[in-house]
Amino acid sequence: MSVSGRSTTPALREAGHRARAPRLALAAAAAVALLAGAASPGVAAPAPGGPVRYVALGDSYSSGLGIPQQTDTVCGRSDRNYPSLVAAAVGADSFTDVTCAGADTTHMAGPQDGVAPQLDALRPDTTLVTLGVGGNDLDLAGVITRCVLVGYLAPHGSPCRSSFTLFGTDEIGSRINATAPKIDAVLDAIHARSPQARVMLVGYPSLLPDDGSSCRATIPLADGDFGWVRDKEKQLDAVLAQRAGAHGAGYVDTYGPSVGHDACQGAGVRWIEPADSDQGAGFHPNASGHRSMADAVLAAVGH
């Protein structure tokens, strides 16, 4: 699937990374203007002036898929992803980045096609953990593929929303809600392995215009589905924020700062690439997007 001859879906990017890219961030990525980016009350913090031993966990929105330079082509990991920027800014005494494109919650405690479980990177003396996961649990590559296909049939309606809300159901909302206990389990496992660590659950940035406007010339969704996808993104981020607060973790809002820098914007303004390019993977943050995400993490931890 392409726009102007360019690959535009993480589903295609996944094929080049052994199906690891996040299951498409259009609906998986996400947003939450109503959420504060600060850590939740009661979240443990490393002692001021103490060593920072940082471990980064997550999917391709954390790994920096496609952003040069790629330091791990199997996992699509960049040396300019937000974990690397955060580690440099806080002067981490140790830094372990095991983020991997395509990771879902099962790959935190279990292997990912030969890649070790990400939780294995945690130590009892780890003091800071960032976690960016949840989108791939929704199987959203297929969702977006369907949205693009039906968008060609009814370009001015909202055929994708209709197809996922038949008979009064909300299939994507149900998938998001089903992801909540999986996030709970991951957060509990992190706390068990690294009880001293401050844990920050990082949300997904805004991929499409926050005002619901369309840009079919760039992204071939039906006009009416842009706002629906935006709402599903926000719902995912809202659930992530709720689960963080319920499990002693902080939540990092990356949606709010990214409004106005979505994939519909022009080069130099957008922080999300609309298609695979030399700046990053399609529907993923580029280097500027990761800089913004790093800034949000640093603000949330009070740096």
Foldseek 3Di string as FASTA:
>chain_A
DDFPPFAFFVCVVCVQQVNQAALGDLLLAAAAQPDDFAFAPQFFAPDVPDAAAEEEEEACLQQFALAPPQPDSNFRHHCLFLQNVLCVVVVHPHYHYPYGGNDALVQCCCPDPPRHRSVVPFAQAHAEYEYEHDRNQLSNNVLLVVQLVVCVVAQAEAVSCCVCQPPNRRNSLVSLVVCLVSLLVSLVSNCVRHVNYAYEYEGGANAAAPVLADDCSLPRGRSNNSNVSRVSRNSNLVSSCVSQNVRSHTYFGLHNVQHQQHCNDDPPRHQAPSGNDSQRHRRHGGSVSSVSSSVSVCVNSPD
